[in-house]
Amino acid sequence: MDLGKAVVLMGLVYALVEYLKTYLPADIDPRITQTLVFLIGVGCVFLVAETVWGKDQVIGDHVLSDLDFWSKLVVGLFVGAGATVGHRVESAVRSVGSSEQKPGKR
C-alpha cells in the first residue's frame, strides 16, 4: 500500500473515531478510545478489502483483497496505530506555545 493510500485510510479511521467520540462521555478512559481506534482500523481494512478499491491496494507483493484473515487483522492494527501516531503528532503541533498542562502530567 503506498503512503498516500495508507494516509487516506488512517484519516478515515481518525475521522470515524472523532465522530464516535461525540457520543461518548468526555472523560472516557484512553484505553477504551485506543481499543476503538484499533477496532475501527481493522474494520476499515476489511471493508476496503471487500470493495473494488481492495484490488488496487498492494501490501508487499500481495493484493489486500487476497490476504487471509490474520494478515488483514495485522494490516488493520497497523492502520490503527498509524492513526494514533497521526493524532499525537497533531496534538503536539497544536499545543506548541501553549503553557497548559493536562491534569496529572508534569
PDB file of N, CA and C in Angstrom:
ATOM      1  N   MET A   1       0.870  -1.166   0.000  1.00  0.00           N
ATOM      2  CA  MET A   1       0.000   0.000   0.000  1.00  0.00           C
ATOM      3  C   MET A   1       0.908   1.216   0.000  1.00  0.00           C
ATOM      4  N   ASP A   2       0.732   2.078  -0.971  1.00  0.00           N
ATOM      5  CA  ASP A   2       1.592   3.255  -0.994  1.00  0.00           C
ATOM      6  C   ASP A   2       1.199   4.227   0.117  1.00  0.00           C
ATOM      7  N   LEU A   3       2.088   5.155   0.385  1.00  0.00           N
ATOM      8  CA  LEU A   3       1.918   6.047   1.532  1.00  0.00           C
ATOM      9  C   LEU A   3       0.643   6.888   1.428  1.00  0.00           C
ATOM     10  N   GLY A   4       0.343   7.376   0.242  1.00  0.00           N
ATOM     11  CA  GLY A   4      -0.841   8.219   0.068  1.00  0.00           C
ATOM     12  C   GLY A   4      -2.131   7.488   0.409  1.00  0.00           C
ATOM     13  N   LYS A   5      -2.256   6.260  -0.065  1.00  0.00           N
ATOM     14  CA  LYS A   5      -3.462   5.480   0.212  1.00  0.00           C
ATOM     15  C   LYS A   5      -3.530   5.077   1.681  1.00  0.00           C
ATOM     16  N   ALA A   6      -2.383   4.794   2.278  1.00  0.00           N
ATOM     17  CA  ALA A   6      -2.354   4.451   3.706  1.00  0.00           C
ATOM     18  C   ALA A   6      -2.772   5.653   4.551  1.00  0.00           C
ATOM     19  N   VAL A   7      -2.325   6.846   4.177  1.00  0.00           N
ATOM     20  CA  VAL A   7      -2.691   8.058   4.912  1.00  0.00           C
ATOM     21  C   VAL A   7      -4.190   8.319   4.796  1.00  0.00           C
ATOM     22  N   VAL A   8      -4.743   8.086   3.622  1.00  0.00           N
ATOM     23  CA  VAL A   8      -6.193   8.259   3.443  1.00  0.00           C
ATOM     24  C   VAL A   8      -6.954   7.292   4.341  1.00  0.00           C
ATOM     25  N   LEU A   9      -6.497   6.050   4.423  1.00  0.00           N
ATOM     26  CA  LEU A   9      -7.156   5.057   5.272  1.00  0.00           C
ATOM     27  C   LEU A   9      -7.023   5.437   6.749  1.00  0.00           C
ATOM     28  N   MET A  10      -5.841   5.923   7.151  1.00  0.00           N
ATOM     29  CA  MET A  10      -5.657   6.368   8.529  1.00  0.00           C
ATOM     30  C   MET A  10      -6.525   7.584   8.832  1.00  0.00           C
ATOM     31  N   GLY A  11      -6.674   8.469   7.857  1.00  0.00           N
ATOM     32  CA  GLY A  11      -7.556   9.618   8.031  1.00  0.00           C
ATOM     33  C   GLY A  11      -9.000   9.195   8.218  1.00  0.00           C
ATOM     34  N   LEU A  12      -9.411   8.170   7.507  1.00  0.00           N
ATOM     35  CA  LEU A  12     -10.767   7.640   7.677  1.00  0.00           C
ATOM     36  C   LEU A  12     -10.951   7.103   9.094  1.00  0.00           C
ATOM     37  N   VAL A  13      -9.966   6.367   9.577  1.00  0.00           N
ATOM     38  CA  VAL A  13     -10.036   5.840  10.946  1.00  0.00           C
ATOM     39  C   VAL A  13     -10.123   6.990  11.935  1.00  0.00           C
ATOM     40  N   TYR A  14      -9.276   7.990  11.767  1.00  0.00           N
ATOM     41  CA  TYR A  14      -9.278   9.145  12.672  1.00  0.00           C
ATOM     42  C   TYR A  14     -10.636   9.851  12.656  1.00  0.00           C
ATOM     43  N   ALA A  15     -11.188  10.070  11.468  1.00  0.00           N
ATOM     44  CA  ALA A  15     -12.477  10.757  11.357  1.00  0.00           C
ATOM     45  C   ALA A  15     -13.601   9.956  12.011  1.00  0.00           C
ATOM     46  N   LEU A  16     -13.613   8.651  11.804  1.00  0.00           N
ATOM     47  CA  LEU A  16     -14.654   7.819  12.418  1.00  0.00           C
ATOM     48  C   LEU A  16     -14.537   7.802  13.941  1.00  0.00           C
ATOM     49  N   VAL A  17     -13.307   7.748  14.445  1.00  0.00           N
ATOM     50  CA  VAL A  17     -13.123   7.762  15.902  1.00  0.00           C
ATOM     51  C   VAL A  17     -13.582   9.099  16.478  1.00  0.00           C
ATOM     52  N   GLU A  18     -13.217  10.195  15.846  1.00  0.00           N
ATOM     53  CA  GLU A  18     -13.638  11.510  16.334  1.00  0.00           C
ATOM     54  C   GLU A  18     -15.154  11.633  16.308  1.00  0.00           C
ATOM     55  N   TYR A  19     -15.781  11.077  15.283  1.00  0.00           N
ATOM     56  CA  TYR A  19     -17.243  11.098  15.202  1.00  0.00           C
ATOM     57  C   TYR A  19     -17.863  10.291  16.337  1.00  0.00           C
ATOM     58  N   LEU A  20     -17.357   9.081  16.558  1.00  0.00           N
ATOM     59  CA  LEU A  20     -17.915   8.233  17.610  1.00  0.00           C
ATOM     60  C   LEU A  20     -17.652   8.796  18.998  1.00  0.00           C
ATOM     61  N   LYS A  21     -16.574   9.544  19.163  1.00  0.00           N
ATOM     62  CA  LYS A  21     -16.274  10.135  20.470  1.00  0.00           C
ATOM     63  C   LYS A  21     -17.313  11.184  20.861  1.00  0.00           C
ATOM     64  N   THR A  22     -18.028  11.736  19.891  1.00  0.00           N
ATOM     65  CA  THR A  22     -19.057  12.720  20.219  1.00  0.00           C
ATOM     66  C   THR A  22     -20.227  12.065  20.956  1.00  0.00           C
ATOM     67  N   TYR A  23     -20.351  10.743  20.827  1.00  0.00           N
ATOM     68  CA  TYR A  23     -21.412  10.020  21.514  1.00  0.00           C
ATOM     69  C   TYR A  23     -20.968   9.456  22.868  1.00  0.00           C
ATOM     70  N   LEU A  24     -19.699   9.602  23.183  1.00  0.00           N
ATOM     71  CA  LEU A  24     -19.153   9.052  24.419  1.00  0.00           C
ATOM     72  C   LEU A  24     -18.923  10.161  25.433  1.00  0.00           C
ATOM     73  N   PRO A  25     -18.866   9.844  26.716  1.00  0.00           N
ATOM     74  CA  PRO A  25     -18.578  10.870  27.721  1.00  0.00           C
ATOM     75  C   PRO A  25     -17.191  11.478  27.508  1.00  0.00           C
ATOM     76  N   ALA A  26     -17.030  12.734  27.882  1.00  0.00           N
ATOM     77  CA  ALA A  26     -15.767  13.437  27.656  1.00  0.00           C
ATOM     78  C   ALA A  26     -14.625  12.850  28.475  1.00  0.00           C
ATOM     79  N   ASP A  27     -14.934  12.265  29.618  1.00  0.00           N
ATOM     80  CA  ASP A  27     -13.885  11.737  30.490  1.00  0.00           C
ATOM     81  C   ASP A  27     -13.669  10.234  30.298  1.00  0.00           C
ATOM     82  N   ILE A  28     -13.843   9.768  29.080  1.00  0.00           N
ATOM     83  CA  ILE A  28     -13.703   8.338  28.798  1.00  0.00           C
ATOM     84  C   ILE A  28     -12.241   7.915  28.961  1.00  0.00           C
ATOM     85  N   ASP A  29     -12.051   6.697  29.417  1.00  0.00           N
ATOM     86  CA  ASP A  29     -10.724   6.137  29.621  1.00  0.00           C
ATOM     87  C   ASP A  29      -9.983   6.051  28.275  1.00  0.00           C
ATOM     88  N   PRO A  30      -8.728   6.529  28.213  1.00  0.00           N
ATOM     89  CA  PRO A  30      -7.973   6.464  26.950  1.00  0.00           C
ATOM     90  C   PRO A  30      -7.790   5.040  26.420  1.00  0.00           C
ATOM     91  N   ARG A  31      -7.817   4.049  27.295  1.00  0.00           N
ATOM     92  CA  ARG A  31      -7.699   2.662  26.829  1.00  0.00           C
ATOM     93  C   ARG A  31      -8.908   2.263  25.991  1.00  0.00           C
ATOM     94  N   ILE A  32     -10.057   2.780  26.346  1.00  0.00           N
ATOM     95  CA  ILE A  32     -11.269   2.490  25.566  1.00  0.00           C
ATOM     96  C   ILE A  32     -11.172   3.166  24.204  1.00  0.00           C
ATOM     97  N   THR A  33     -10.687   4.399  24.200  1.00  0.00           N
ATOM     98  CA  THR A  33     -10.525   5.112  22.933  1.00  0.00           C
ATOM     99  C   THR A  33      -9.530   4.391  22.035  1.00  0.00           C
ATOM    100  N   GLN A  34      -8.408   3.934  22.596  1.00  0.00           N
ATOM    101  CA  GLN A  34      -7.406   3.236  21.783  1.00  0.00           C
ATOM    102  C   GLN A  34      -7.952   1.919  21.251  1.00  0.00           C
ATOM    103  N   THR A  35      -8.721   1.215  22.059  1.00  0.00           N
ATOM    104  CA  THR A  35      -9.357  -0.021  21.582  1.00  0.00           C
ATOM    105  C   THR A  35     -10.307   0.280  20.434  1.00  0.00           C
ATOM    106  N   LEU A  36     -11.045   1.370  20.554  1.00  0.00           N
ATOM    107  CA  LEU A  36     -11.944   1.797  19.490  1.00  0.00           C
ATOM    108  C   LEU A  36     -11.161   2.086  18.207  1.00  0.00           C
ATOM    109  N   VAL A  37     -10.004   2.736  18.340  1.00  0.00           N
ATOM    110  CA  VAL A  37      -9.164   3.035  17.175  1.00  0.00           C
ATOM    111  C   VAL A  37      -8.737   1.744  16.480  1.00  0.00           C
ATOM    112  N   PHE A  38      -8.261   0.775  17.257  1.00  0.00           N
ATOM    113  CA  PHE A  38      -7.821  -0.482  16.653  1.00  0.00           C
ATOM    114  C   PHE A  38      -8.980  -1.225  15.988  1.00  0.00           C
ATOM    115  N   LEU A  39     -10.129  -1.263  16.643  1.00  0.00           N
ATOM    116  CA  LEU A  39     -11.289  -1.945  16.060  1.00  0.00           C
ATOM    117  C   LEU A  39     -11.736  -1.280  14.765  1.00  0.00           C
ATOM    118  N   ILE A  40     -11.747   0.048  14.751  1.00  0.00           N
ATOM    119  CA  ILE A  40     -12.151   0.758  13.529  1.00  0.00           C
ATOM    120  C   ILE A  40     -11.106   0.560  12.437  1.00  0.00           C
ATOM    121  N   GLY A  41      -9.823   0.551  12.809  1.00  0.00           N
ATOM    122  CA  GLY A  41      -8.767   0.301  11.824  1.00  0.00           C
ATOM    123  C   GLY A  41      -8.929  -1.054  11.163  1.00  0.00           C
ATOM    124  N   VAL A  42      -9.179  -2.071  11.967  1.00  0.00           N
ATOM    125  CA  VAL A  42      -9.380  -3.419  11.421  1.00  0.00           C
ATOM    126  C   VAL A  42     -10.645  -3.460  10.572  1.00  0.00           C
ATOM    127  N   GLY A  43     -11.706  -2.842  11.059  1.00  0.00           N
ATOM    128  CA  GLY A  43     -12.952  -2.806  10.298  1.00  0.00           C
ATOM    129  C   GLY A  43     -12.792  -2.117   8.955  1.00  0.00           C
ATOM    130  N   CYS A  44     -12.069  -1.019   8.942  1.00  0.00           N
ATOM    131  CA  CYS A  44     -11.848  -0.295   7.674  1.00  0.00           C
ATOM    132  C   CYS A  44     -11.047  -1.135   6.687  1.00  0.00           C
ATOM    133  N   VAL A  45     -10.032  -1.845   7.176  1.00  0.00           N
ATOM    134  CA  VAL A  45      -9.231  -2.690   6.283  1.00  0.00           C
ATOM    135  C   VAL A  45     -10.090  -3.805   5.688  1.00  0.00           C
ATOM    136  N   PHE A  46     -10.909  -4.440   6.516  1.00  0.00           N
ATOM    137  CA  PHE A  46     -11.779  -5.492   5.986  1.00  0.00           C
ATOM    138  C   PHE A  46     -12.791  -4.917   5.002  1.00  0.00           C
ATOM    139  N   LEU A  47     -13.310  -3.734   5.284  1.00  0.00           N
ATOM    140  CA  LEU A  47     -14.258  -3.097   4.380  1.00  0.00           C
ATOM    141  C   LEU A  47     -13.604  -2.772   3.036  1.00  0.00           C
ATOM    142  N   VAL A  48     -12.438  -2.157   3.086  1.00  0.00           N
ATOM    143  CA  VAL A  48     -11.733  -1.796   1.851  1.00  0.00           C
ATOM    144  C   VAL A  48     -11.373  -3.055   1.062  1.00  0.00           C
ATOM    145  N   ALA A  49     -10.977  -4.108   1.754  1.00  0.00           N
ATOM    146  CA  ALA A  49     -10.594  -5.341   1.062  1.00  0.00           C
ATOM    147  C   ALA A  49     -11.753  -5.933   0.274  1.00  0.00           C
ATOM    148  N   GLU A  50     -12.978  -5.695   0.713  1.00  0.00           N
ATOM    149  CA  GLU A  50     -14.143  -6.244   0.029  1.00  0.00           C
ATOM    150  C   GLU A  50     -14.656  -5.357  -1.094  1.00  0.00           C
ATOM    151  N   THR A  51     -14.094  -4.170  -1.240  1.00  0.00           N
ATOM    152  CA  THR A  51     -14.538  -3.262  -2.293  1.00  0.00           C
ATOM    153  C   THR A  51     -13.641  -3.397  -3.522  1.00  0.00           C
ATOM    154  N   VAL A  52     -14.015  -2.697  -4.569  1.00  0.00           N
ATOM    155  CA  VAL A  52     -13.205  -2.677  -5.787  1.00  0.00           C
ATOM    156  C   VAL A  52     -11.834  -2.075  -5.505  1.00  0.00           C
ATOM    157  N   TRP A  53     -11.791  -1.138  -4.558  1.00  0.00           N
ATOM    158  CA  TRP A  53     -10.529  -0.480  -4.201  1.00  0.00           C
ATOM    159  C   TRP A  53      -9.538  -1.473  -3.602  1.00  0.00           C
ATOM    160  N   GLY A  54     -10.019  -2.586  -3.040  1.00  0.00           N
ATOM    161  CA  GLY A  54      -9.160  -3.594  -2.428  1.00  0.00           C
ATOM    162  C   GLY A  54      -8.206  -4.245  -3.411  1.00  0.00           C
ATOM    163  N   LYS A  55      -8.604  -4.334  -4.671  1.00  0.00           N
ATOM    164  CA  LYS A  55      -7.723  -4.916  -5.697  1.00  0.00           C
ATOM    165  C   LYS A  55      -6.555  -3.995  -6.026  1.00  0.00           C
ATOM    166  N   ASP A  56      -6.686  -2.687  -5.728  1.00  0.00           N
ATOM    167  CA  ASP A  56      -5.626  -1.719  -6.019  1.00  0.00           C
ATOM    168  C   ASP A  56      -4.637  -1.563  -4.872  1.00  0.00           C
ATOM    169  N   GLN A  57      -4.964  -2.101  -3.700  1.00  0.00           N
ATOM    170  CA  GLN A  57      -4.094  -1.958  -2.527  1.00  0.00           C
ATOM    171  C   GLN A  57      -3.133  -3.130  -2.483  1.00  0.00           C
ATOM    172  N   VAL A  58      -1.862  -2.837  -2.649  1.00  0.00           N
ATOM    173  CA  VAL A  58      -0.848  -3.881  -2.660  1.00  0.00           C
ATOM    174  C   VAL A  58      -0.005  -3.754  -1.406  1.00  0.00           C
ATOM    175  N   ILE A  59       0.064  -4.830  -0.648  1.00  0.00           N
ATOM    176  CA  ILE A  59       0.874  -4.897   0.565  1.00  0.00           C
ATOM    177  C   ILE A  59       2.028  -5.835   0.246  1.00  0.00           C
ATOM    178  N   GLY A  60       3.219  -5.289   0.128  1.00  0.00           N
ATOM    179  CA  GLY A  60       4.353  -6.102  -0.317  1.00  0.00           C
ATOM    180  C   GLY A  60       4.105  -6.524  -1.754  1.00  0.00           C
ATOM    181  N   ASP A  61       3.921  -7.813  -1.980  1.00  0.00           N
ATOM    182  CA  ASP A  61       3.567  -8.284  -3.318  1.00  0.00           C
ATOM    183  C   ASP A  61       2.214  -8.990  -3.332  1.00  0.00           C
ATOM    184  N   HIS A  62       1.384  -8.696  -2.307  1.00  0.00           N
ATOM    185  CA  HIS A  62       0.055  -9.307  -2.194  1.00  0.00           C
ATOM    186  C   HIS A  62      -1.028  -8.236  -2.299  1.00  0.00           C
ATOM    187  N   VAL A  63      -2.112  -8.559  -2.949  1.00  0.00           N
ATOM    188  CA  VAL A  63      -3.254  -7.658  -3.062  1.00  0.00           C
ATOM    189  C   VAL A  63      -4.070  -7.756  -1.773  1.00  0.00           C
ATOM    190  N   LEU A  64      -4.506  -6.619  -1.255  1.00  0.00           N
ATOM    191  CA  LEU A  64      -5.233  -6.585   0.012  1.00  0.00           C
ATOM    192  C   LEU A  64      -6.450  -7.507   0.004  1.00  0.00           C
ATOM    193  N   SER A  65      -7.182  -7.526  -1.073  1.00  0.00           N
ATOM    194  CA  SER A  65      -8.397  -8.346  -1.116  1.00  0.00           C
ATOM    195  C   SER A  65      -8.098  -9.848  -1.104  1.00  0.00           C
ATOM    196  N   ASP A  66      -6.864 -10.230  -1.401  1.00  0.00           N
ATOM    197  CA  ASP A  66      -6.498 -11.649  -1.409  1.00  0.00           C
ATOM    198  C   ASP A  66      -5.842 -12.119  -0.117  1.00  0.00           C
ATOM    199  N   LEU A  67      -5.592 -11.211   0.813  1.00  0.00           N
ATOM    200  CA  LEU A  67      -4.953 -11.590   2.070  1.00  0.00           C
ATOM    201  C   LEU A  67      -5.900 -12.425   2.929  1.00  0.00           C
ATOM    202  N   ASP A  68      -5.337 -13.271   3.771  1.00  0.00           N
ATOM    203  CA  ASP A  68      -6.174 -14.059   4.680  1.00  0.00           C
ATOM    204  C   ASP A  68      -6.581 -13.201   5.885  1.00  0.00           C
ATOM    205  N   PHE A  69      -7.404 -13.774   6.755  1.00  0.00           N
ATOM    206  CA  PHE A  69      -7.953 -13.046   7.898  1.00  0.00           C
ATOM    207  C   PHE A  69      -6.861 -12.441   8.772  1.00  0.00           C
ATOM    208  N   TRP A  70      -5.862 -13.231   9.121  1.00  0.00           N
ATOM    209  CA  TRP A  70      -4.838 -12.773  10.058  1.00  0.00           C
ATOM    210  C   TRP A  70      -3.983 -11.662   9.459  1.00  0.00           C
ATOM    211  N   SER A  71      -3.716 -11.743   8.178  1.00  0.00           N
ATOM    212  CA  SER A  71      -2.933 -10.691   7.516  1.00  0.00           C
ATOM    213  C   SER A  71      -3.712  -9.374   7.486  1.00  0.00           C
ATOM    214  N   LYS A  72      -5.015  -9.461   7.196  1.00  0.00           N
ATOM    215  CA  LYS A  72      -5.848  -8.259   7.211  1.00  0.00           C
ATOM    216  C   LYS A  72      -5.928  -7.683   8.625  1.00  0.00           C
ATOM    217  N   LEU A  73      -5.981  -8.564   9.622  1.00  0.00           N
ATOM    218  CA  LEU A  73      -6.009  -8.115  11.012  1.00  0.00           C
ATOM    219  C   LEU A  73      -4.750  -7.325  11.355  1.00  0.00           C
ATOM    220  N   VAL A  74      -3.598  -7.834  10.960  1.00  0.00           N
ATOM    221  CA  VAL A  74      -2.336  -7.143  11.230  1.00  0.00           C
ATOM    222  C   VAL A  74      -2.295  -5.801  10.500  1.00  0.00           C
ATOM    223  N   VAL A  75      -2.716  -5.775   9.251  1.00  0.00           N
ATOM    224  CA  VAL A  75      -2.745  -4.513   8.494  1.00  0.00           C
ATOM    225  C   VAL A  75      -3.677  -3.521   9.175  1.00  0.00           C
ATOM    226  N   GLY A  76      -4.830  -3.993   9.643  1.00  0.00           N
ATOM    227  CA  GLY A  76      -5.774  -3.118  10.346  1.00  0.00           C
ATOM    228  C   GLY A  76      -5.187  -2.550  11.627  1.00  0.00           C
ATOM    229  N   LEU A  77      -4.436  -3.364  12.368  1.00  0.00           N
ATOM    230  CA  LEU A  77      -3.784  -2.862  13.582  1.00  0.00           C
ATOM    231  C   LEU A  77      -2.725  -1.821  13.250  1.00  0.00           C
ATOM    232  N   PHE A  78      -1.992  -2.040  12.154  1.00  0.00           N
ATOM    233  CA  PHE A  78      -1.017  -1.039  11.728  1.00  0.00           C
ATOM    234  C   PHE A  78      -1.698   0.267  11.311  1.00  0.00           C
ATOM    235  N   VAL A  79      -2.817   0.160  10.644  1.00  0.00           N
ATOM    236  CA  VAL A  79      -3.569   1.363  10.250  1.00  0.00           C
ATOM    237  C   VAL A  79      -4.049   2.107  11.495  1.00  0.00           C
ATOM    238  N   GLY A  80      -4.569   1.369  12.478  1.00  0.00           N
ATOM    239  CA  GLY A  80      -4.995   1.987  13.729  1.00  0.00           C
ATOM    240  C   GLY A  80      -3.836   2.643  14.457  1.00  0.00           C
ATOM    241  N   ALA A  81      -2.691   1.976  14.492  1.00  0.00           N
ATOM    242  CA  ALA A  81      -1.515   2.550  15.136  1.00  0.00           C
ATOM    243  C   ALA A  81      -1.054   3.806  14.401  1.00  0.00           C
ATOM    244  N   GLY A  82      -1.115   3.772  13.083  1.00  0.00           N
ATOM    245  CA  GLY A  82      -0.734   4.954  12.302  1.00  0.00           C
ATOM    246  C   GLY A  82      -1.665   6.126  12.564  1.00  0.00           C
ATOM    247  N   ALA A  83      -2.950   5.844  12.710  1.00  0.00           N
ATOM    248  CA  ALA A  83      -3.912   6.910  13.026  1.00  0.00           C
ATOM    249  C   ALA A  83      -3.628   7.488  14.412  1.00  0.00           C
ATOM    250  N   THR A  84      -3.227   6.630  15.346  1.00  0.00           N
ATOM    251  CA  THR A  84      -2.881   7.107  16.690  1.00  0.00           C
ATOM    252  C   THR A  84      -1.664   8.010  16.643  1.00  0.00           C
ATOM    253  N   VAL A  85      -0.637   7.603  15.917  1.00  0.00           N
ATOM    254  CA  VAL A  85       0.568   8.428  15.787  1.00  0.00           C
ATOM    255  C   VAL A  85       0.219   9.756  15.136  1.00  0.00           C
ATOM    256  N   GLY A  86      -0.591   9.716  14.099  1.00  0.00           N
ATOM    257  CA  GLY A  86      -1.012  10.959  13.446  1.00  0.00           C
ATOM    258  C   GLY A  86      -1.744  11.888  14.397  1.00  0.00           C
ATOM    259  N   HIS A  87      -2.613  11.313  15.236  1.00  0.00           N
ATOM    260  CA  HIS A  87      -3.353  12.114  16.211  1.00  0.00           C
ATOM    261  C   HIS A  87      -2.401  12.735  17.240  1.00  0.00           C
ATOM    262  N   ARG A  88      -1.423  11.973  17.680  1.00  0.00           N
ATOM    263  CA  ARG A  88      -0.471  12.503  18.672  1.00  0.00           C
ATOM    264  C   ARG A  88       0.402  13.598  18.079  1.00  0.00           C
ATOM    265  N   VAL A  89       0.798  13.444  16.830  1.00  0.00           N
ATOM    266  CA  VAL A  89       1.574  14.496  16.164  1.00  0.00           C
ATOM    267  C   VAL A  89       0.728  15.752  16.032  1.00  0.00           C
ATOM    268  N   GLU A  90      -0.532  15.586  15.626  1.00  0.00           N
ATOM    269  CA  GLU A  90      -1.427  16.741  15.509  1.00  0.00           C
ATOM    270  C   GLU A  90      -1.596  17.428  16.859  1.00  0.00           C
ATOM    271  N   SER A  91      -1.787  16.657  17.920  1.00  0.00           N
ATOM    272  CA  SER A  91      -1.942  17.236  19.257  1.00  0.00           C
ATOM    273  C   SER A  91      -0.693  17.979  19.690  1.00  0.00           C
ATOM    274  N   ALA A  92       0.466  17.426  19.381  1.00  0.00           N
ATOM    275  CA  ALA A  92       1.718  18.082  19.744  1.00  0.00           C
ATOM    276  C   ALA A  92       1.896  19.395  18.993  1.00  0.00           C
ATOM    277  N   VAL A  93       1.554  19.400  17.721  1.00  0.00           N
ATOM    278  CA  VAL A  93       1.683  20.619  16.926  1.00  0.00           C
ATOM    279  C   VAL A  93       0.705  21.679  17.417  1.00  0.00           C
ATOM    280  N   ARG A  94      -0.498  21.285  17.750  1.00  0.00           N
ATOM    281  CA  ARG A  94      -1.495  22.241  18.244  1.00  0.00           C
ATOM    282  C   ARG A  94      -1.116  22.836  19.592  1.00  0.00           C
ATOM    283  N   SER A  95      -0.369  22.081  20.400  1.00  0.00           N
ATOM    284  CA  SER A  95      -0.033  22.581  21.731  1.00  0.00           C
ATOM    285  C   SER A  95       1.288  23.339  21.774  1.00  0.00           C
ATOM    286  N   VAL A  96       1.942  23.526  20.651  1.00  0.00           N
ATOM    287  CA  VAL A  96       3.189  24.290  20.623  1.00  0.00           C
ATOM    288  C   VAL A  96       2.895  25.727  21.058  1.00  0.00           C
ATOM    289  N   GLY A  97       3.646  26.185  22.022  1.00  0.00           N
ATOM    290  CA  GLY A  97       3.462  27.542  22.520  1.00  0.00           C
ATOM    291  C   GLY A  97       2.436  27.661  23.615  1.00  0.00           C
ATOM    292  N   SER A  98       1.765  26.568  23.920  1.00  0.00           N
ATOM    293  CA  SER A  98       0.767  26.589  24.972  1.00  0.00           C
ATOM    294  C   SER A  98       1.417  26.188  26.290  1.00  0.00           C
ATOM    295  N   SER A  99       1.072  26.879  27.344  1.00  0.00           N
ATOM    296  CA  SER A  99       1.635  26.539  28.650  1.00  0.00           C
ATOM    297  C   SER A  99       0.695  25.649  29.450  1.00  0.00           C
ATOM    298  N   GLU A 100      -0.411  25.243  28.852  1.00  0.00           N
ATOM    299  CA  GLU A 100      -1.372  24.376  29.531  1.00  0.00           C
ATOM    300  C   GLU A 100      -0.790  22.995  29.722  1.00  0.00           C
ATOM    301  N   GLN A 101      -1.067  22.408  30.874  1.00  0.00           N
ATOM    302  CA  GLN A 101      -0.683  21.033  31.127  1.00  0.00           C
ATOM    303  C   GLN A 101      -1.935  20.239  31.431  1.00  0.00           C
ATOM    304  N   LYS A 102      -1.965  19.023  30.959  1.00  0.00           N
ATOM    305  CA  LYS A 102      -3.106  18.175  31.259  1.00  0.00           C
ATOM    306  C   LYS A 102      -3.028  17.744  32.712  1.00  0.00           C
ATOM    307  N   PRO A 103      -4.159  17.556  33.340  1.00  0.00           N
ATOM    308  CA  PRO A 103      -4.153  17.123  34.742  1.00  0.00           C
ATOM    309  C   PRO A 103      -3.385  15.807  34.912  1.00  0.00           C
ATOM    310  N   GLY A 104      -2.583  15.759  35.965  1.00  0.00           N
ATOM    311  CA  GLY A 104      -1.834  14.545  36.247  1.00  0.00           C
ATOM    312  C   GLY A 104      -0.529  14.452  35.528  1.00  0.00           C
ATOM    313  N   LYS A 105      -0.181  15.413  34.696  1.00  0.00           N
ATOM    314  CA  LYS A 105       1.082  15.385  33.953  1.00  0.00           C
ATOM    315  C   LYS A 105       1.942  16.544  34.398  1.00  0.00           C
ATOM    316  N   ARG A 106       3.222  16.319  34.444  1.00  0.00           N
ATOM    317  CA  ARG A 106       4.168  17.378  34.819  1.00  0.00           C
ATOM    318  C   ARG A 106       5.113  17.671  33.688  1.00  0.00           C
TER     319      ARG A 106
END
